[in-house]
Amino acid sequence: MPLDATRTDLTLGIVGAGIMGRGIAQVAAEAGITVLLADVRPEAVAEAVAFWPT
């Protein structure tokens, strides 16, 4: 099923806030998709969010 970027109800869940997870989360968020980012280390999520440009 192709992604309809005009939808406003999209949510993406990502497990793992390492380099790949944070990159995927950033691209999805920039595309207007709500992102849920989880990691076994809470500080990894904080580091990922701090990495993104404001």
PDB file of N, CA and C in Angstrom:
ATOM      1  N   MET A   1       0.850  -1.171   0.000  1.00  0.00           N
ATOM      2  CA  MET A   1       0.000   0.000   0.000  1.00  0.00           C
ATOM      3  C   MET A   1       0.898   1.237   0.000  1.00  0.00           C
ATOM      4  N   PRO A   2       0.739   2.130  -0.951  1.00  0.00           N
ATOM      5  CA  PRO A   2       1.577   3.324  -0.994  1.00  0.00           C
ATOM      6  C   PRO A   2       1.222   4.293   0.132  1.00  0.00           C
ATOM      7  N   LEU A   3       2.199   5.047   0.561  1.00  0.00           N
ATOM      8  CA  LEU A   3       2.007   6.042   1.612  1.00  0.00           C
ATOM      9  C   LEU A   3       1.313   7.263   1.048  1.00  0.00           C
ATOM     10  N   ASP A   4       0.228   7.656   1.672  1.00  0.00           N
ATOM     11  CA  ASP A   4      -0.494   8.862   1.281  1.00  0.00           C
ATOM     12  C   ASP A   4      -0.031   9.986   2.203  1.00  0.00           C
ATOM     13  N   ALA A   5       0.889  10.800   1.752  1.00  0.00           N
ATOM     14  CA  ALA A   5       1.483  11.852   2.576  1.00  0.00           C
ATOM     15  C   ALA A   5       0.492  12.940   2.954  1.00  0.00           C
ATOM     16  N   THR A   6      -0.691  12.942   2.382  1.00  0.00           N
ATOM     17  CA  THR A   6      -1.677  13.965   2.726  1.00  0.00           C
ATOM     18  C   THR A   6      -2.462  13.585   3.975  1.00  0.00           C
ATOM     19  N   ARG A   7      -2.316  12.349   4.431  1.00  0.00           N
ATOM     20  CA  ARG A   7      -3.027  11.942   5.646  1.00  0.00           C
ATOM     21  C   ARG A   7      -2.420  12.637   6.856  1.00  0.00           C
ATOM     22  N   THR A   8      -3.272  13.030   7.778  1.00  0.00           N
ATOM     23  CA  THR A   8      -2.787  13.722   8.972  1.00  0.00           C
ATOM     24  C   THR A   8      -2.833  12.820  10.202  1.00  0.00           C
ATOM     25  N   ASP A   9      -3.248  11.579  10.045  1.00  0.00           N
ATOM     26  CA  ASP A   9      -3.401  10.675  11.180  1.00  0.00           C
ATOM     27  C   ASP A   9      -2.329   9.586  11.214  1.00  0.00           C
ATOM     28  N   LEU A  10      -1.209   9.819  10.564  1.00  0.00           N
ATOM     29  CA  LEU A  10      -0.149   8.817  10.517  1.00  0.00           C
ATOM     30  C   LEU A  10       0.726   8.895  11.760  1.00  0.00           C
ATOM     31  N   THR A  11       1.045   7.737  12.320  1.00  0.00           N
ATOM     32  CA  THR A  11       1.949   7.647  13.453  1.00  0.00           C
ATOM     33  C   THR A  11       2.935   6.517  13.174  1.00  0.00           C
ATOM     34  N   LEU A  12       4.197   6.778  13.408  1.00  0.00           N
ATOM     35  CA  LEU A  12       5.250   5.795  13.199  1.00  0.00           C
ATOM     36  C   LEU A  12       5.903   5.493  14.529  1.00  0.00           C
ATOM     37  N   GLY A  13       5.961   4.226  14.892  1.00  0.00           N
ATOM     38  CA  GLY A  13       6.643   3.798  16.105  1.00  0.00           C
ATOM     39  C   GLY A  13       8.001   3.216  15.752  1.00  0.00           C
ATOM     40  N   ILE A  14       9.042   3.661  16.422  1.00  0.00           N
ATOM     41  CA  ILE A  14      10.398   3.193  16.167  1.00  0.00           C
ATOM     42  C   ILE A  14      10.995   2.704  17.478  1.00  0.00           C
ATOM     43  N   VAL A  15      11.487   1.470  17.446  1.00  0.00           N
ATOM     44  CA  VAL A  15      12.156   0.905  18.614  1.00  0.00           C
ATOM     45  C   VAL A  15      13.650   0.945  18.347  1.00  0.00           C
ATOM     46  N   GLY A  16      14.334   1.713  19.147  1.00  0.00           N
ATOM     47  CA  GLY A  16      15.774   1.877  18.986  1.00  0.00           C
ATOM     48  C   GLY A  16      16.098   3.299  18.563  1.00  0.00           C
ATOM     49  N   ALA A  17      16.767   4.032  19.429  1.00  0.00           N
ATOM     50  CA  ALA A  17      17.078   5.438  19.170  1.00  0.00           C
ATOM     51  C   ALA A  17      18.542   5.636  18.825  1.00  0.00           C
ATOM     52  N   GLY A  18      19.136   4.626  18.221  1.00  0.00           N
ATOM     53  CA  GLY A  18      20.527   4.751  17.782  1.00  0.00           C
ATOM     54  C   GLY A  18      20.609   5.589  16.518  1.00  0.00           C
ATOM     55  N   ILE A  19      21.701   5.477  15.815  1.00  0.00           N
ATOM     56  CA  ILE A  19      21.918   6.298  14.625  1.00  0.00           C
ATOM     57  C   ILE A  19      20.822   6.076  13.591  1.00  0.00           C
ATOM     58  N   MET A  20      20.486   4.814  13.314  1.00  0.00           N
ATOM     59  CA  MET A  20      19.475   4.545  12.297  1.00  0.00           C
ATOM     60  C   MET A  20      18.078   4.959  12.775  1.00  0.00           C
ATOM     61  N   GLY A  21      17.732   4.602  14.018  1.00  0.00           N
ATOM     62  CA  GLY A  21      16.414   4.942  14.535  1.00  0.00           C
ATOM     63  C   GLY A  21      16.169   6.438  14.597  1.00  0.00           C
ATOM     64  N   ARG A  22      17.173   7.174  15.065  1.00  0.00           N
ATOM     65  CA  ARG A  22      16.994   8.623  15.157  1.00  0.00           C
ATOM     66  C   ARG A  22      16.908   9.263  13.777  1.00  0.00           C
ATOM     67  N   GLY A  23      17.639   8.712  12.814  1.00  0.00           N
ATOM     68  CA  GLY A  23      17.572   9.240  11.450  1.00  0.00           C
ATOM     69  C   GLY A  23      16.215   9.004  10.814  1.00  0.00           C
ATOM     70  N   ILE A  24      15.687   7.800  10.991  1.00  0.00           N
ATOM     71  CA  ILE A  24      14.358   7.484  10.463  1.00  0.00           C
ATOM     72  C   ILE A  24      13.316   8.376  11.129  1.00  0.00           C
ATOM     73  N   ALA A  25      13.437   8.540  12.442  1.00  0.00           N
ATOM     74  CA  ALA A  25      12.495   9.377  13.182  1.00  0.00           C
ATOM     75  C   ALA A  25      12.542  10.818  12.695  1.00  0.00           C
ATOM     76  N   GLN A  26      13.733  11.326  12.451  1.00  0.00           N
ATOM     77  CA  GLN A  26      13.875  12.713  11.998  1.00  0.00           C
ATOM     78  C   GLN A  26      13.232  12.909  10.628  1.00  0.00           C
ATOM     79  N   VAL A  27      13.515  12.007   9.699  1.00  0.00           N
ATOM     80  CA  VAL A  27      12.947  12.130   8.352  1.00  0.00           C
ATOM     81  C   VAL A  27      11.423  12.042   8.401  1.00  0.00           C
ATOM     82  N   ALA A  28      10.901  11.119   9.198  1.00  0.00           N
ATOM     83  CA  ALA A  28       9.448  10.976   9.312  1.00  0.00           C
ATOM     84  C   ALA A  28       8.822  12.230   9.926  1.00  0.00           C
ATOM     85  N   ALA A  29       9.435  12.762  10.973  1.00  0.00           N
ATOM     86  CA  ALA A  29       8.899  13.959  11.626  1.00  0.00           C
ATOM     87  C   ALA A  29       8.921  15.148  10.679  1.00  0.00           C
ATOM     88  N   GLU A  30       9.993  15.272   9.906  1.00  0.00           N
ATOM     89  CA  GLU A  30      10.075  16.370   8.946  1.00  0.00           C
ATOM     90  C   GLU A  30       9.022  16.241   7.855  1.00  0.00           C
ATOM     91  N   ALA A  31       8.557  15.001   7.616  1.00  0.00           N
ATOM     92  CA  ALA A  31       7.510  14.766   6.622  1.00  0.00           C
ATOM     93  C   ALA A  31       6.117  14.962   7.219  1.00  0.00           C
ATOM     94  N   GLY A  32       6.046  15.325   8.497  1.00  0.00           N
ATOM     95  CA  GLY A  32       4.765  15.595   9.127  1.00  0.00           C
ATOM     96  C   GLY A  32       4.116  14.391   9.781  1.00  0.00           C
ATOM     97  N   ILE A  33       4.868  13.312   9.947  1.00  0.00           N
ATOM     98  CA  ILE A  33       4.347  12.101  10.576  1.00  0.00           C
ATOM     99  C   ILE A  33       4.649  12.159  12.068  1.00  0.00           C
ATOM    100  N   THR A  34       3.663  11.822  12.891  1.00  0.00           N
ATOM    101  CA  THR A  34       3.878  11.746  14.326  1.00  0.00           C
ATOM    102  C   THR A  34       4.785  10.557  14.606  1.00  0.00           C
ATOM    103  N   VAL A  35       5.799  10.753  15.445  1.00  0.00           N
ATOM    104  CA  VAL A  35       6.784   9.706  15.711  1.00  0.00           C
ATOM    105  C   VAL A  35       6.799   9.357  17.193  1.00  0.00           C
ATOM    106  N   LEU A  36       6.762   8.067  17.475  1.00  0.00           N
ATOM    107  CA  LEU A  36       6.957   7.551  18.827  1.00  0.00           C
ATOM    108  C   LEU A  36       8.295   6.835  18.822  1.00  0.00           C
ATOM    109  N   LEU A  37       9.241   7.311  19.604  1.00  0.00           N
ATOM    110  CA  LEU A  37      10.587   6.761  19.626  1.00  0.00           C
ATOM    111  C   LEU A  37      10.842   6.127  20.990  1.00  0.00           C
ATOM    112  N   ALA A  38      11.255   4.866  20.985  1.00  0.00           N
ATOM    113  CA  ALA A  38      11.493   4.146  22.240  1.00  0.00           C
ATOM    114  C   ALA A  38      12.865   3.483  22.205  1.00  0.00           C
ATOM    115  N   ASP A  39      13.460   3.356  23.383  1.00  0.00           N
ATOM    116  CA  ASP A  39      14.745   2.687  23.512  1.00  0.00           C
ATOM    117  C   ASP A  39      14.837   2.161  24.935  1.00  0.00           C
ATOM    118  N   VAL A  40      15.611   1.113  25.134  1.00  0.00           N
ATOM    119  CA  VAL A  40      15.774   0.588  26.495  1.00  0.00           C
ATOM    120  C   VAL A  40      16.525   1.574  27.384  1.00  0.00           C
ATOM    121  N   ARG A  41      17.273   2.474  26.770  1.00  0.00           N
ATOM    122  CA  ARG A  41      17.971   3.520  27.516  1.00  0.00           C
ATOM    123  C   ARG A  41      17.249   4.842  27.304  1.00  0.00           C
ATOM    124  N   PRO A  42      16.547   5.344  28.305  1.00  0.00           N
ATOM    125  CA  PRO A  42      15.828   6.612  28.146  1.00  0.00           C
ATOM    126  C   PRO A  42      16.730   7.756  27.693  1.00  0.00           C
ATOM    127  N   GLU A  43      17.986   7.738  28.106  1.00  0.00           N
ATOM    128  CA  GLU A  43      18.892   8.816  27.700  1.00  0.00           C
ATOM    129  C   GLU A  43      19.190   8.768  26.198  1.00  0.00           C
ATOM    130  N   ALA A  44      19.045   7.599  25.573  1.00  0.00           N
ATOM    131  CA  ALA A  44      19.247   7.493  24.123  1.00  0.00           C
ATOM    132  C   ALA A  44      18.173   8.273  23.376  1.00  0.00           C
ATOM    133  N   VAL A  45      16.955   8.250  23.878  1.00  0.00           N
ATOM    134  CA  VAL A  45      15.874   9.023  23.258  1.00  0.00           C
ATOM    135  C   VAL A  45      16.156  10.511  23.415  1.00  0.00           C
ATOM    136  N   ALA A  46      16.589  10.909  24.600  1.00  0.00           N
ATOM    137  CA  ALA A  46      16.919  12.322  24.833  1.00  0.00           C
ATOM    138  C   ALA A  46      18.065  12.767  23.919  1.00  0.00           C
ATOM    139  N   GLU A  47      19.066  11.913  23.736  1.00  0.00           N
ATOM    140  CA  GLU A  47      20.185  12.240  22.854  1.00  0.00           C
ATOM    141  C   GLU A  47      19.711  12.376  21.403  1.00  0.00           C
ATOM    142  N   ALA A  48      18.805  11.490  20.994  1.00  0.00           N
ATOM    143  CA  ALA A  48      18.287  11.538  19.626  1.00  0.00           C
ATOM    144  C   ALA A  48      17.527  12.843  19.384  1.00  0.00           C
ATOM    145  N   VAL A  49      16.681  13.222  20.317  1.00  0.00           N
ATOM    146  CA  VAL A  49      15.900  14.449  20.172  1.00  0.00           C
ATOM    147  C   VAL A  49      16.821  15.660  20.168  1.00  0.00           C
ATOM    148  N   ALA A  50      17.860  15.646  20.983  1.00  0.00           N
ATOM    149  CA  ALA A  50      18.813  16.763  21.036  1.00  0.00           C
ATOM    150  C   ALA A  50      19.603  16.868  19.725  1.00  0.00           C
ATOM    151  N   PHE A  51      19.758  15.766  19.020  1.00  0.00           N
ATOM    152  CA  PHE A  51      20.516  15.729  17.777  1.00  0.00           C
ATOM    153  C   PHE A  51      19.781  16.445  16.643  1.00  0.00           C
ATOM    154  N   TRP A  52      18.440  16.422  16.684  1.00  0.00           N
ATOM    155  CA  TRP A  52      17.646  17.000  15.598  1.00  0.00           C
ATOM    156  C   TRP A  52      17.753  18.521  15.605  1.00  0.00           C
ATOM    157  N   PRO A  53      17.773  19.103  14.415  1.00  0.00           N
ATOM    158  CA  PRO A  53      17.779  20.577  14.355  1.00  0.00           C
ATOM    159  C   PRO A  53      16.455  21.147  14.845  1.00  0.00           C
ATOM    160  N   THR A  54      16.513  22.327  15.402  1.00  0.00           N
ATOM    161  CA  THR A  54      15.275  22.951  15.913  1.00  0.00           C
ATOM    162  C   THR A  54      14.697  23.925  14.931  1.00  0.00           C
TER     163      THR A  54
END
